[in-house]
Amino acid sequence: MYNQISSSLNDFIDNELSLHTDQRKALLNKHKLTLTDSLQKGHWTTNLCLVASNLVKKNPRDIASALIPKLENQPEIAKVELAGPGFVNIFLTREAFFNQLDDAHKNPNSFVDSSHASKEKIQIEFVSANPTGPLHVGHGRGAAYGDAIGRILQRLGHEVSREYYVNDAGRQIDILACSIFLRRFKCFDNDNFPSSAYKGSYILEIAQGIEIDSTLSQAEKDVLIDDLPSDDEEKIDVLIERIKINFSDSWLLIREHGLDYVIKSIKEDLTEFKVIFDNWFFESSLGELSDKKSEISMALDQVKKDHAYEKNGAVWLESTKFGDDKDRVIIREDGRGTYLSADLAYHRNKLDRGFDTIINVWGSDHHGYIKRIEATIEAMGYSKKQMKVQLVQFANLFENGSKVKMSTRSGNFYTLKQLIDDIGPDASRFYYLSKQADQHLDFDIGVAKSNSKDNLYYYVQYAHARICSVEKKFLELGGSLPNQFNDDDFDGCDELLQMALSAQFVIKSAGENLQPHLIVYYLRDISQSFHQFYNSVNILNAQESEQNNIIRSLIIVKSVIASSLELLGIEPLDSM
């Protein structure tokens, strides 16, 4: 019915309204055909008359008076009513209502897969945590978010590629290698271990697993640790430099081993979290500035021609020309590239791969970085509109009333793997997605483990499991699951079915606005409606004619809950 009514509205626009091309385009883009939130208002409603009134300078009620008879001529439409200032509410016949439900059950995209919708090649880059230690619970929110968005966009017909950007070329990797080296050769006791090094137990585990024949004499250790600066950050930099100079072979082996260990650990945790990346992109693949044929050199050369200048020995990007609040250094005085130079080259690489849209999922602390990247994209001759950035707040996790710590440097943090082991990947993903990504999220492990309606994940899964239980009991009593509705007048399920139909619009909105939490809200609402229905109707003792439509209705509701959960990367439970 959606396509049929849409076609009728489009015919009305073309044949009854005198619009020039731009007006027609504007009307087609702005007017909406949506499901009503209550069947008292009909099954469908459109704002066509309201939107058109501004274009043709007519009273919306006058436009509606011409539209309504054309809709009422369709045999599937029982009646059409004018509501409010110009909304048109459409009531279907019961047969048309049931046929619509059966069609939607067969094709979950029947309301949203419109012919004019463009299908894009989209890349989503998310998580991309520095490979310096295990993922902590703060990283889990970005992982759940990026993966869910990918699933939703694929459902809407887009070609999606998921990418993890591995920052394997920066100072933080040197700190990781240094930390492992110092533990491997026992250069410091626990009390004096540098505060700027990584201190987690995983560092010791990596160190103990490295097979190196060499040892350090006390004299060699003294050369390494004597006369260190008092400043913590200077101290770690001096240690790194001394190790590179005096123990180069061990340094390279330890650096490679440590990086491989951490990346392998990250991949394993993400796999258990049901997040699979199509591509792992390594920063080191961009090459060095000393190599004129490297990607980073060519990218910087591209912007240096017209949009950069030298000042105090450094190279500055004229990013203010493209909306940034100040110009940015891309090459330091000593010839080293900045973080921005690597990101510039990386985004050039992305866009050159032919993606229509690139989506960056960043932590909320990157808010000030958006304009810088937009400036680099524009400076390279691309459009910043090709990039979308979604900021994700870290989740605050509570256990026994206390906030869980998440500091990688200190080594005192709650890992994503621990969370998965505690409450499972599905419950974790559900709670990570339960609020808008750029809003603070607090959730309690104790609540997430409880079997109560305070646990929203349990409440939703219980709705699905309850329907499975009803179906099982129905079959045990000798019934057979119906594959269609009958023509009975029983309408006790109609509001629940109308809500089931609205899933398609929720999913479409979630994809267009990059807001998977809308699906969580929807699951909450339809689960609540189902539980209320279940508590008010004795399903298995209903009249046979009514029972057919009830069971058929529940089959559709179960399917909607299951498919919505699956879009979030969550397996629906048949029993609990």
Protein backbone atom coordinates (compact mmCIF):
# COMPACT_ATOMS: atom_id res chain seq x y z
CA MET A 1 0.00 0.00 0.00
CA TYR A 2 2.87 2.36 0.70
CA ASN A 3 4.06 2.32 -2.89
CA GLN A 4 0.50 2.48 -4.19
CA ILE A 5 -0.43 5.52 -2.09
CA SER A 6 2.94 7.15 -2.86
CA SER A 7 2.28 6.69 -6.56
CA SER A 8 -1.16 8.30 -6.19
CA LEU A 9 0.35 11.28 -4.38
CA ASN A 10 3.01 11.68 -7.08
CA ASP A 11 0.35 11.53 -9.82
CA PHE A 12 -1.60 14.24 -7.99
CA ILE A 13 1.52 16.42 -7.82
CA ASP A 14 2.19 15.99 -11.55
CA ASN A 15 -1.38 16.33 -12.84
CA GLU A 16 -3.21 18.57 -10.39
CA LEU A 17 -0.63 21.06 -9.22
CA SER A 18 0.97 23.58 -11.53
CA LEU A 19 4.60 23.39 -10.48
CA HIS A 20 7.81 24.24 -12.26
CA THR A 21 10.73 21.81 -12.03
CA ASP A 22 12.35 23.22 -8.87
CA GLN A 23 9.00 23.42 -7.06
CA ARG A 24 8.20 19.83 -7.95
CA LYS A 25 11.60 18.67 -6.73
CA ALA A 26 11.17 20.58 -3.47
CA LEU A 27 7.73 19.10 -2.89
CA LEU A 28 8.87 15.54 -3.61
CA ASN A 29 11.72 15.96 -1.12
CA LYS A 30 9.69 17.59 1.66
CA HIS A 31 6.31 15.91 1.72
CA LYS A 32 6.02 12.70 3.75
CA LEU A 33 3.79 9.66 3.83
CA THR A 34 4.03 8.06 7.24
CA LEU A 35 2.24 5.59 9.45
CA THR A 36 0.00 7.16 12.09
CA ASP A 37 0.83 6.78 15.77
CA SER A 38 -2.76 5.75 16.48
CA LEU A 39 -5.31 3.97 14.32
CA GLN A 40 -7.91 6.54 15.40
CA LYS A 41 -6.08 8.80 12.94
CA GLY A 42 -6.12 6.15 10.21
CA HIS A 43 -3.33 3.92 8.97
CA TRP A 44 -1.38 6.45 6.93
CA THR A 45 -1.07 10.22 7.00
CA THR A 46 0.49 12.73 4.64
CA ASN A 47 1.50 16.38 4.96
CA LEU A 48 1.41 16.87 1.17
CA CYS A 49 -1.27 19.56 1.27
CA LEU A 50 0.55 21.56 3.93
CA VAL A 51 3.86 21.51 2.07
CA ALA A 52 2.25 22.21 -1.31
CA SER A 53 0.29 25.20 0.04
CA ASN A 54 3.49 27.23 0.43
CA LEU A 55 4.50 26.49 -3.14
CA VAL A 56 1.23 27.05 -4.98
CA LYS A 57 -0.06 29.74 -2.58
CA LYS A 58 -3.33 27.95 -1.88
CA ASN A 59 -5.14 27.04 1.30
CA PRO A 60 -4.06 23.48 2.25
CA ARG A 61 -7.71 22.54 2.81
CA ASP A 62 -8.51 23.51 -0.78
CA ILE A 63 -5.69 21.27 -2.01
CA ALA A 64 -6.94 18.48 0.25
CA SER A 65 -10.47 18.74 -1.15
CA ALA A 66 -9.03 17.89 -4.58
CA LEU A 67 -6.74 15.12 -3.28
CA ILE A 68 -9.19 13.21 -1.06
CA PRO A 69 -11.60 12.06 -3.83
CA LYS A 70 -8.69 10.65 -5.85
CA LEU A 71 -7.52 8.60 -2.88
CA GLU A 72 -11.02 7.44 -1.99
CA ASN A 73 -11.45 5.99 -5.49
CA GLN A 74 -8.93 3.26 -4.61
CA PRO A 75 -10.69 0.05 -3.52
CA GLU A 76 -8.13 -0.64 -0.78
CA ILE A 77 -8.90 2.65 0.97
CA ALA A 78 -11.97 2.69 3.23
CA LYS A 79 -12.06 6.42 3.86
CA VAL A 80 -9.93 9.57 3.88
CA GLU A 81 -10.21 12.39 6.39
CA LEU A 82 -8.85 15.90 6.63
CA ALA A 83 -7.23 16.61 9.98
CA GLY A 84 -5.86 19.75 11.56
CA PRO A 85 -4.50 22.46 9.27
CA GLY A 86 -4.12 20.18 6.27
CA PHE A 87 -3.05 16.65 7.15
CA VAL A 88 -4.76 13.90 5.18
CA ASN A 89 -5.41 10.68 7.12
CA ILE A 90 -5.96 7.48 5.17
CA PHE A 91 -7.93 4.50 6.51
CA LEU A 92 -7.41 1.13 4.82
CA THR A 93 -9.87 -1.70 4.47
CA ARG A 94 -9.14 -4.63 6.76
CA GLU A 95 -8.13 -6.76 3.81
CA ALA A 96 -5.69 -4.08 2.62
CA PHE A 97 -4.32 -3.69 6.16
CA PHE A 98 -3.67 -7.42 6.46
CA ASN A 99 -2.19 -7.68 2.96
CA GLN A 100 0.14 -4.82 3.80
CA LEU A 101 1.32 -6.64 6.93
CA ASP A 102 1.97 -9.85 5.00
CA ASP A 103 3.92 -7.94 2.34
CA ALA A 104 5.99 -6.11 4.94
CA HIS A 105 6.72 -9.41 6.69
CA LYS A 106 8.09 -10.82 3.43
CA ASN A 107 10.02 -7.66 2.50
CA PRO A 108 11.40 -5.67 5.48
CA ASN A 109 12.32 -2.80 3.13
CA SER A 110 8.94 -2.47 1.41
CA PHE A 111 8.33 1.01 2.88
CA VAL A 112 11.81 2.44 2.57
CA ASP A 113 13.42 1.04 -0.56
CA SER A 114 12.12 3.77 -2.83
CA SER A 115 13.33 3.91 -6.41
CA HIS A 116 14.75 7.43 -6.12
CA ALA A 117 16.91 6.60 -3.11
CA SER A 118 20.59 6.65 -4.02
CA LYS A 119 22.76 3.73 -2.98
CA GLU A 120 26.21 4.82 -1.87
CA LYS A 121 29.63 3.31 -1.37
CA ILE A 122 30.31 4.15 2.26
CA GLN A 123 33.35 3.67 4.46
CA ILE A 124 33.08 3.71 8.25
CA GLU A 125 36.26 4.07 10.27
CA PHE A 126 35.72 3.37 13.96
CA VAL A 127 37.36 2.24 17.19
CA SER A 128 40.91 2.85 15.90
CA ALA A 129 42.23 2.79 19.46
CA ASN A 130 45.99 3.16 19.69
CA PRO A 131 47.51 -0.35 19.76
CA THR A 132 49.16 0.18 23.13
CA GLY A 133 47.05 -2.16 25.24
CA PRO A 134 43.79 -4.08 25.46
CA LEU A 135 40.55 -2.34 24.58
CA HIS A 136 38.83 -0.98 27.66
CA VAL A 137 35.11 -0.51 28.19
CA GLY A 138 35.32 3.05 26.91
CA HIS A 139 36.28 1.76 23.47
CA GLY A 140 33.33 -0.62 23.40
CA ARG A 141 30.79 2.11 22.75
CA GLY A 142 32.49 3.24 19.54
CA ALA A 143 32.82 -0.38 18.45
CA ALA A 144 29.13 -1.12 19.01
CA TYR A 145 28.10 2.15 17.38
CA GLY A 146 30.23 1.83 14.24
CA ASP A 147 29.24 -1.77 13.65
CA ALA A 148 25.52 -1.07 14.16
CA ILE A 149 25.61 1.85 11.73
CA GLY A 150 27.29 -0.40 9.19
CA ARG A 151 24.59 -3.05 9.59
CA ILE A 152 21.78 -0.50 9.28
CA LEU A 153 23.24 1.16 6.19
CA GLN A 154 23.71 -2.24 4.56
CA ARG A 155 20.09 -3.07 5.34
CA LEU A 156 19.11 0.12 3.50
CA GLY A 157 20.99 -1.03 0.42
CA HIS A 158 24.33 0.77 0.71
CA GLU A 159 27.73 -0.82 0.08
CA VAL A 160 29.59 -0.52 3.39
CA SER A 161 33.24 -1.04 4.24
CA ARG A 162 34.37 -1.12 7.90
CA GLU A 163 37.91 0.03 8.63
CA TYR A 164 40.23 0.14 11.65
CA TYR A 165 43.03 2.71 11.43
CA VAL A 166 46.09 1.34 13.21
CA ASN A 167 48.29 4.14 14.51
CA ASP A 168 51.49 2.09 14.44
CA ALA A 169 53.93 4.86 13.64
CA GLY A 170 53.64 7.33 16.50
CA ARG A 171 55.28 8.10 19.82
CA GLN A 172 52.80 5.99 21.76
CA ILE A 173 54.17 2.84 20.06
CA ASP A 174 57.68 3.83 21.13
CA ILE A 175 56.35 4.18 24.69
CA LEU A 176 54.81 0.72 24.44
CA ALA A 177 58.11 -0.79 23.24
CA CYS A 178 60.04 1.08 25.92
CA SER A 179 57.68 -0.16 28.64
CA ILE A 180 58.10 -3.78 27.49
CA PHE A 181 61.89 -3.38 27.26
CA LEU A 182 62.13 -2.00 30.81
CA ARG A 183 60.04 -4.88 32.16
CA ARG A 184 61.86 -7.53 30.13
CA PHE A 185 65.26 -6.50 31.45
CA LYS A 186 64.03 -5.43 34.91
CA CYS A 187 65.51 -1.97 34.68
CA PHE A 188 63.31 -0.57 37.46
CA ASP A 189 61.54 -2.00 40.46
CA ASN A 190 57.79 -1.46 40.73
CA ASP A 191 58.09 1.62 42.94
CA ASN A 192 60.41 3.43 40.55
CA PHE A 193 58.93 2.33 37.24
CA PRO A 194 58.46 5.47 35.06
CA SER A 195 55.00 6.95 35.52
CA SER A 196 54.73 7.80 31.81
CA ALA A 197 55.29 4.19 30.79
CA TYR A 198 52.49 1.65 30.39
CA LYS A 199 52.11 -0.35 33.61
CA GLY A 200 49.38 -2.89 33.00
CA SER A 201 49.88 -6.56 33.72
CA TYR A 202 49.72 -7.17 29.97
CA ILE A 203 53.10 -5.38 29.63
CA LEU A 204 54.69 -7.93 31.92
CA GLU A 205 52.96 -10.74 30.06
CA ILE A 206 54.32 -9.48 26.72
CA ALA A 207 57.79 -9.04 28.20
CA GLN A 208 57.88 -12.55 29.60
CA GLY A 209 56.79 -14.01 26.26
CA ILE A 210 59.62 -12.48 24.22
CA GLU A 211 62.46 -14.82 23.42
CA ILE A 212 65.67 -12.80 23.58
CA ASP A 213 68.99 -14.40 24.40
CA SER A 214 70.65 -11.17 25.49
CA THR A 215 70.67 -9.82 29.02
CA LEU A 216 71.68 -6.46 30.45
CA SER A 217 74.55 -6.06 32.89
CA GLN A 218 74.16 -3.66 35.76
CA ALA A 219 76.57 -1.31 33.98
CA GLU A 220 74.36 -1.33 30.87
CA LYS A 221 71.30 -0.66 33.02
CA ASP A 222 73.11 2.23 34.69
CA VAL A 223 73.89 3.78 31.31
CA LEU A 224 70.20 3.55 30.52
CA ILE A 225 68.67 4.90 33.73
CA ASP A 226 71.27 7.28 35.20
CA ASP A 227 70.77 11.06 35.10
CA LEU A 228 67.22 10.96 33.80
CA PRO A 229 65.16 14.18 33.62
CA SER A 230 62.70 14.76 36.44
CA ASP A 231 59.84 15.57 34.09
CA ASP A 232 57.87 12.40 33.42
CA GLU A 233 57.36 12.92 29.69
CA GLU A 234 60.96 13.99 29.12
CA LYS A 235 62.11 10.95 31.08
CA ILE A 236 60.28 8.47 28.86
CA ASP A 237 61.56 10.22 25.71
CA VAL A 238 65.17 10.02 26.93
CA LEU A 239 64.74 6.33 27.79
CA ILE A 240 63.37 5.64 24.32
CA GLU A 241 66.27 7.41 22.66
CA ARG A 242 68.89 5.61 24.78
CA ILE A 243 67.36 2.19 24.08
CA LYS A 244 67.23 2.89 20.32
CA ILE A 245 70.91 3.91 20.28
CA ASN A 246 72.40 1.32 22.63
CA PHE A 247 70.15 -1.70 22.13
CA SER A 248 68.86 -1.30 18.60
CA ASP A 249 68.44 -5.01 17.79
CA SER A 250 66.48 -5.76 20.96
CA TRP A 251 64.46 -2.59 20.48
CA LEU A 252 63.29 -3.56 16.98
CA LEU A 253 62.40 -7.09 18.03
CA ILE A 254 60.51 -5.93 21.13
CA ARG A 255 58.69 -3.18 19.25
CA GLU A 256 57.50 -5.57 16.56
CA HIS A 257 56.53 -8.28 19.03
CA GLY A 258 54.67 -5.88 21.33
CA LEU A 259 52.72 -4.31 18.47
CA ASP A 260 51.77 -7.71 17.05
CA TYR A 261 50.68 -8.94 20.48
CA VAL A 262 48.42 -5.95 21.16
CA ILE A 263 46.86 -5.92 17.67
CA LYS A 264 46.15 -9.65 17.92
CA SER A 265 44.52 -9.06 21.32
CA ILE A 266 42.38 -6.22 19.94
CA LYS A 267 41.24 -8.35 16.99
CA GLU A 268 40.30 -11.24 19.29
CA ASP A 269 38.30 -8.99 21.61
CA LEU A 270 36.46 -7.34 18.73
CA THR A 271 35.66 -10.70 17.17
CA GLU A 272 34.15 -11.85 20.46
CA PHE A 273 32.22 -8.57 20.46
CA LYS A 274 30.90 -9.47 16.99
CA VAL A 275 32.74 -6.64 15.28
CA ILE A 276 34.55 -7.68 12.11
CA PHE A 277 36.49 -5.16 10.04
CA ASP A 278 36.84 -5.38 6.29
CA ASN A 279 40.18 -3.60 6.39
CA TRP A 280 42.95 -2.87 8.88
CA PHE A 281 44.78 0.20 7.60
CA PHE A 282 48.26 0.78 9.06
CA GLU A 283 49.55 4.34 9.39
CA SER A 284 53.03 3.07 8.56
CA SER A 285 51.79 2.16 5.06
CA LEU A 286 51.63 5.90 4.31
CA GLY A 287 55.42 5.91 4.32
CA GLU A 288 57.96 8.50 5.43
CA LEU A 289 58.41 12.13 4.47
CA SER A 290 61.97 11.32 3.47
CA ASP A 291 60.57 9.17 0.65
CA LYS A 292 59.24 11.56 -1.98
CA LYS A 293 57.16 8.80 -3.55
CA SER A 294 55.39 7.88 -0.32
CA GLU A 295 51.70 8.61 0.13
CA ILE A 296 52.32 11.08 2.91
CA SER A 297 54.89 13.00 0.83
CA MET A 298 52.60 13.17 -2.20
CA ALA A 299 49.64 14.29 -0.09
CA LEU A 300 51.64 17.07 1.54
CA ASP A 301 53.12 18.12 -1.81
CA GLN A 302 49.56 18.44 -3.10
CA VAL A 303 48.56 21.02 -0.47
CA LYS A 304 51.94 22.75 -0.29
CA LYS A 305 51.55 24.00 -3.87
CA ASP A 306 48.71 26.41 -3.16
CA HIS A 307 47.67 26.22 0.46
CA ALA A 308 50.78 26.17 2.65
CA TYR A 309 53.61 28.45 3.71
CA GLU A 310 56.82 28.32 5.72
CA LYS A 311 57.19 30.09 9.06
CA ASN A 312 59.96 29.69 11.65
CA GLY A 313 61.27 26.65 9.80
CA ALA A 314 57.93 24.82 9.86
CA VAL A 315 55.36 24.27 7.11
CA TRP A 316 51.87 25.58 7.87
CA LEU A 317 48.59 24.66 6.17
CA GLU A 318 46.39 27.68 5.43
CA SER A 319 43.47 25.94 7.10
CA THR A 320 41.77 29.25 7.97
CA LYS A 321 40.97 29.58 4.25
CA PHE A 322 38.70 26.54 4.71
CA GLY A 323 36.90 27.38 7.92
CA ASP A 324 39.41 26.40 10.62
CA ASP A 325 39.99 28.84 13.48
CA LYS A 326 43.75 29.00 12.84
CA ASP A 327 46.42 27.72 10.49
CA ARG A 328 48.00 24.36 11.39
CA VAL A 329 51.54 22.99 11.30
CA ILE A 330 51.88 19.98 9.00
CA ILE A 331 55.71 19.70 9.02
CA ARG A 332 57.69 20.58 12.15
CA GLU A 333 60.91 22.61 12.25
CA ASP A 334 62.95 19.39 12.43
CA GLY A 335 61.29 18.00 9.29
CA ARG A 336 58.99 15.55 11.05
CA GLY A 337 55.33 15.40 10.10
CA THR A 338 52.62 16.21 12.62
CA TYR A 339 49.60 14.03 13.46
CA LEU A 340 47.63 16.22 11.06
CA SER A 341 49.96 15.41 8.18
CA ALA A 342 49.34 11.67 8.61
CA ASP A 343 45.58 12.24 8.87
CA LEU A 344 45.70 14.40 5.75
CA ALA A 345 47.38 11.60 3.82
CA TYR A 346 45.01 8.99 5.25
CA HIS A 347 41.89 10.91 4.19
CA ARG A 348 43.35 11.42 0.74
CA ASN A 349 43.82 7.68 0.56
CA LYS A 350 40.20 7.08 1.64
CA LEU A 351 38.73 9.45 -0.91
CA ASP A 352 40.94 8.13 -3.69
CA ARG A 353 39.47 4.68 -3.06
CA GLY A 354 36.20 5.94 -4.49
CA PHE A 355 33.93 6.14 -1.45
CA ASP A 356 30.94 8.42 -1.87
CA THR A 357 30.83 9.05 1.86
CA ILE A 358 33.37 8.48 4.61
CA ILE A 359 32.14 8.29 8.20
CA ASN A 360 34.60 8.88 11.03
CA VAL A 361 33.52 7.66 14.45
CA TRP A 362 35.63 9.58 16.95
CA GLY A 363 35.74 10.05 20.67
CA SER A 364 34.10 13.22 21.96
CA ASP A 365 37.54 14.66 22.78
CA HIS A 366 38.10 15.05 19.01
CA HIS A 367 35.45 17.76 18.65
CA GLY A 368 38.03 20.43 17.88
CA TYR A 369 39.67 18.22 15.27
CA ILE A 370 36.72 18.16 12.87
CA LYS A 371 37.37 21.55 11.28
CA ARG A 372 41.05 20.68 10.82
CA ILE A 373 40.26 17.56 8.84
CA GLU A 374 37.57 19.37 6.86
CA ALA A 375 40.18 21.98 5.99
CA THR A 376 42.66 19.36 4.78
CA ILE A 377 39.99 17.72 2.63
CA GLU A 378 39.07 21.03 1.03
CA ALA A 379 42.74 21.97 0.56
CA MET A 380 43.29 18.73 -1.37
CA GLY A 381 40.43 19.60 -3.73
CA TYR A 382 37.73 17.33 -2.33
CA SER A 383 34.44 18.34 -0.73
CA LYS A 384 34.14 18.25 3.04
CA LYS A 385 30.53 17.16 2.52
CA GLN A 386 31.90 13.73 1.65
CA MET A 387 32.92 13.30 5.28
CA LYS A 388 30.60 12.80 8.22
CA VAL A 389 31.88 12.74 11.78
CA GLN A 390 30.02 11.11 14.64
CA LEU A 391 31.37 11.91 18.08
CA VAL A 392 30.91 9.20 20.66
CA GLN A 393 31.09 9.84 24.37
CA PHE A 394 32.95 7.25 26.40
CA ALA A 395 30.66 5.11 28.52
CA ASN A 396 30.89 5.30 32.29
CA LEU A 397 30.61 1.87 33.80
CA PHE A 398 29.61 1.30 37.42
CA GLU A 399 30.18 -1.80 39.52
CA ASN A 400 28.92 -2.06 43.08
CA GLY A 401 28.23 1.66 43.05
CA SER A 402 31.79 2.62 42.04
CA LYS A 403 32.86 4.04 38.70
CA VAL A 404 35.16 1.71 36.78
CA LYS A 405 38.55 3.20 35.85
CA MET A 406 39.73 3.31 32.24
CA SER A 407 43.34 4.55 32.20
CA THR A 408 45.59 2.60 29.85
CA ARG A 409 48.80 4.24 31.08
CA SER A 410 48.18 3.36 34.73
CA GLY A 411 47.24 -0.19 33.88
CA ASN A 412 44.26 0.05 36.20
CA PHE A 413 41.31 -0.37 33.88
CA TYR A 414 38.34 -2.59 33.12
CA THR A 415 38.80 -4.24 29.76
CA LEU A 416 36.18 -4.80 27.09
CA LYS A 417 36.88 -8.52 27.41
CA GLN A 418 36.04 -8.38 31.12
CA LEU A 419 32.71 -6.73 30.31
CA ILE A 420 31.96 -9.37 27.67
CA ASP A 421 32.80 -12.13 30.16
CA ASP A 422 30.60 -10.48 32.82
CA ILE A 423 27.39 -9.73 30.89
CA GLY A 424 27.98 -11.11 27.39
CA PRO A 425 28.56 -9.33 24.07
CA ASP A 426 24.86 -8.85 23.30
CA ALA A 427 23.89 -7.14 26.55
CA SER A 428 27.02 -5.00 26.30
CA ARG A 429 26.18 -3.89 22.76
CA PHE A 430 22.58 -3.17 23.73
CA TYR A 431 23.54 -0.85 26.57
CA TYR A 432 26.24 0.88 24.57
CA LEU A 433 23.58 1.71 21.97
CA SER A 434 20.85 2.66 24.41
CA LYS A 435 21.49 6.41 24.22
CA GLN A 436 22.43 8.90 21.53
CA ALA A 437 26.14 8.50 20.85
CA ASP A 438 27.17 12.06 21.75
CA GLN A 439 25.44 11.89 25.14
CA HIS A 440 27.02 10.62 28.34
CA LEU A 441 26.20 7.01 29.09
CA ASP A 442 26.23 5.45 32.53
CA PHE A 443 25.25 1.87 33.06
CA ASP A 444 25.55 -0.51 35.99
CA ILE A 445 26.85 -4.04 35.55
CA GLY A 446 24.56 -5.25 38.33
CA VAL A 447 21.44 -4.00 36.53
CA ALA A 448 22.67 -5.48 33.25
CA LYS A 449 22.89 -8.89 34.94
CA SER A 450 19.44 -8.74 36.55
CA ASN A 451 16.32 -10.51 35.28
CA SER A 452 13.92 -7.62 35.79
CA LYS A 453 12.21 -4.96 33.71
CA ASP A 454 14.79 -2.51 35.05
CA ASN A 455 17.15 -4.38 32.73
CA LEU A 456 15.94 -3.12 29.36
CA TYR A 457 17.95 -5.73 27.48
CA TYR A 458 16.25 -8.51 29.46
CA TYR A 459 12.85 -6.83 28.98
CA VAL A 460 13.23 -6.79 25.17
CA GLN A 461 14.64 -10.31 24.93
CA TYR A 462 11.86 -11.56 27.21
CA ALA A 463 9.28 -10.23 24.75
CA HIS A 464 10.84 -12.28 21.96
CA ALA A 465 11.19 -15.37 24.17
CA ARG A 466 7.59 -15.02 25.38
CA ILE A 467 6.26 -15.09 21.84
CA CYS A 468 8.39 -18.16 21.11
CA SER A 469 6.88 -19.81 24.20
CA VAL A 470 3.32 -18.96 23.09
CA GLU A 471 4.00 -20.44 19.64
CA LYS A 472 5.41 -23.62 21.22
CA LYS A 473 2.42 -24.08 23.51
CA PHE A 474 0.04 -23.36 20.63
CA LEU A 475 1.66 -26.11 18.55
CA GLU A 476 1.61 -28.52 21.49
CA LEU A 477 -2.15 -27.96 21.76
CA GLY A 478 -2.56 -29.08 18.17
CA GLY A 479 -2.58 -25.73 16.39
CA SER A 480 -0.61 -24.86 13.28
CA LEU A 481 1.12 -21.52 12.81
CA PRO A 482 -0.92 -19.42 10.34
CA ASN A 483 0.81 -17.88 7.34
CA GLN A 484 -1.91 -15.31 6.69
CA PHE A 485 -4.70 -13.39 8.40
CA ASN A 486 -8.33 -14.37 8.12
CA ASP A 487 -11.19 -11.92 7.58
CA ASP A 488 -12.31 -11.91 11.21
CA ASP A 489 -13.29 -8.54 12.63
CA PHE A 490 -11.14 -8.98 15.74
CA ASP A 491 -9.00 -5.83 16.03
CA GLY A 492 -7.33 -6.38 19.41
CA CYS A 493 -3.90 -6.67 17.77
CA ASP A 494 -4.23 -3.80 15.31
CA GLU A 495 -2.35 -1.17 17.31
CA LEU A 496 0.45 -3.63 18.01
CA LEU A 497 0.62 -4.47 14.31
CA GLN A 498 0.70 -0.79 13.36
CA MET A 499 3.68 -0.39 15.67
CA ALA A 500 5.33 -3.41 14.06
CA LEU A 501 4.97 -1.78 10.65
CA SER A 502 6.66 1.40 11.89
CA ALA A 503 9.96 -0.48 12.35
CA GLN A 504 10.87 0.23 8.74
CA PHE A 505 10.61 3.97 9.23
CA VAL A 506 12.59 3.81 12.48
CA ILE A 507 15.37 1.89 10.74
CA LYS A 508 15.37 4.34 7.82
CA SER A 509 15.66 7.28 10.23
CA ALA A 510 18.39 5.52 12.22
CA GLY A 511 20.42 5.05 9.04
CA GLU A 512 19.90 8.52 7.58
CA ASN A 513 20.74 10.24 10.87
CA LEU A 514 23.39 7.73 12.07
CA GLN A 515 21.41 7.10 15.26
CA PRO A 516 21.11 3.39 16.14
CA HIS A 517 19.69 4.28 19.56
CA LEU A 518 16.38 4.96 17.79
CA ILE A 519 16.10 1.21 17.25
CA VAL A 520 16.69 0.58 20.97
CA TYR A 521 13.92 3.05 21.81
CA TYR A 522 11.65 1.33 19.32
CA LEU A 523 12.42 -2.10 20.79
CA ARG A 524 11.56 -0.77 24.24
CA ASP A 525 8.21 0.58 23.04
CA ILE A 526 7.09 -2.45 21.06
CA SER A 527 8.18 -4.79 23.85
CA GLN A 528 6.14 -2.76 26.32
CA SER A 529 3.11 -2.88 24.02
CA PHE A 530 3.47 -6.62 23.60
CA HIS A 531 3.83 -7.30 27.33
CA GLN A 532 0.71 -5.22 28.00
CA PHE A 533 -1.18 -7.14 25.32
CA TYR A 534 0.03 -10.47 26.70
CA ASN A 535 -1.11 -9.58 30.22
CA SER A 536 -4.56 -8.47 29.02
CA VAL A 537 -5.45 -11.28 26.61
CA ASN A 538 -5.67 -15.01 27.35
CA ILE A 539 -4.14 -15.94 24.03
CA LEU A 540 -4.43 -19.73 24.14
CA ASN A 541 -8.05 -19.61 25.31
CA ALA A 542 -9.25 -17.10 22.72
CA GLN A 543 -11.89 -17.99 20.17
CA GLU A 544 -10.48 -20.03 17.28
CA SER A 545 -11.22 -17.32 14.69
CA GLU A 546 -9.53 -14.68 16.85
CA GLN A 547 -6.67 -16.96 17.80
CA ASN A 548 -5.56 -17.27 14.17
CA ASN A 549 -5.08 -13.51 13.84
CA ILE A 550 -3.50 -13.23 17.30
CA ILE A 551 -0.89 -15.88 16.54
CA ARG A 552 -0.24 -14.39 13.09
CA SER A 553 0.17 -10.97 14.71
CA LEU A 554 2.65 -12.32 17.25
CA ILE A 555 4.66 -14.02 14.50
CA ILE A 556 5.07 -10.62 12.81
CA VAL A 557 5.94 -8.85 16.09
CA LYS A 558 8.51 -11.55 16.89
CA SER A 559 10.06 -11.16 13.44
CA VAL A 560 10.29 -7.38 13.84
CA ILE A 561 11.94 -7.67 17.26
CA ALA A 562 14.40 -10.25 15.94
CA SER A 563 15.39 -8.30 12.83
CA SER A 564 15.76 -5.07 14.84
CA LEU A 565 18.02 -6.80 17.37
CA GLU A 566 20.08 -8.30 14.56
CA LEU A 567 20.67 -4.80 13.13
CA LEU A 568 22.29 -3.97 16.47
CA GLY A 569 24.45 -7.09 16.24
CA ILE A 570 22.39 -8.91 18.89
CA GLU A 571 21.05 -12.45 18.67
CA PRO A 572 17.37 -12.74 19.67
CA LEU A 573 16.74 -15.33 22.40
CA ASP A 574 14.08 -18.01 21.97
CA SER A 575 14.05 -18.86 25.67
CA MET A 576 15.28 -17.32 28.92
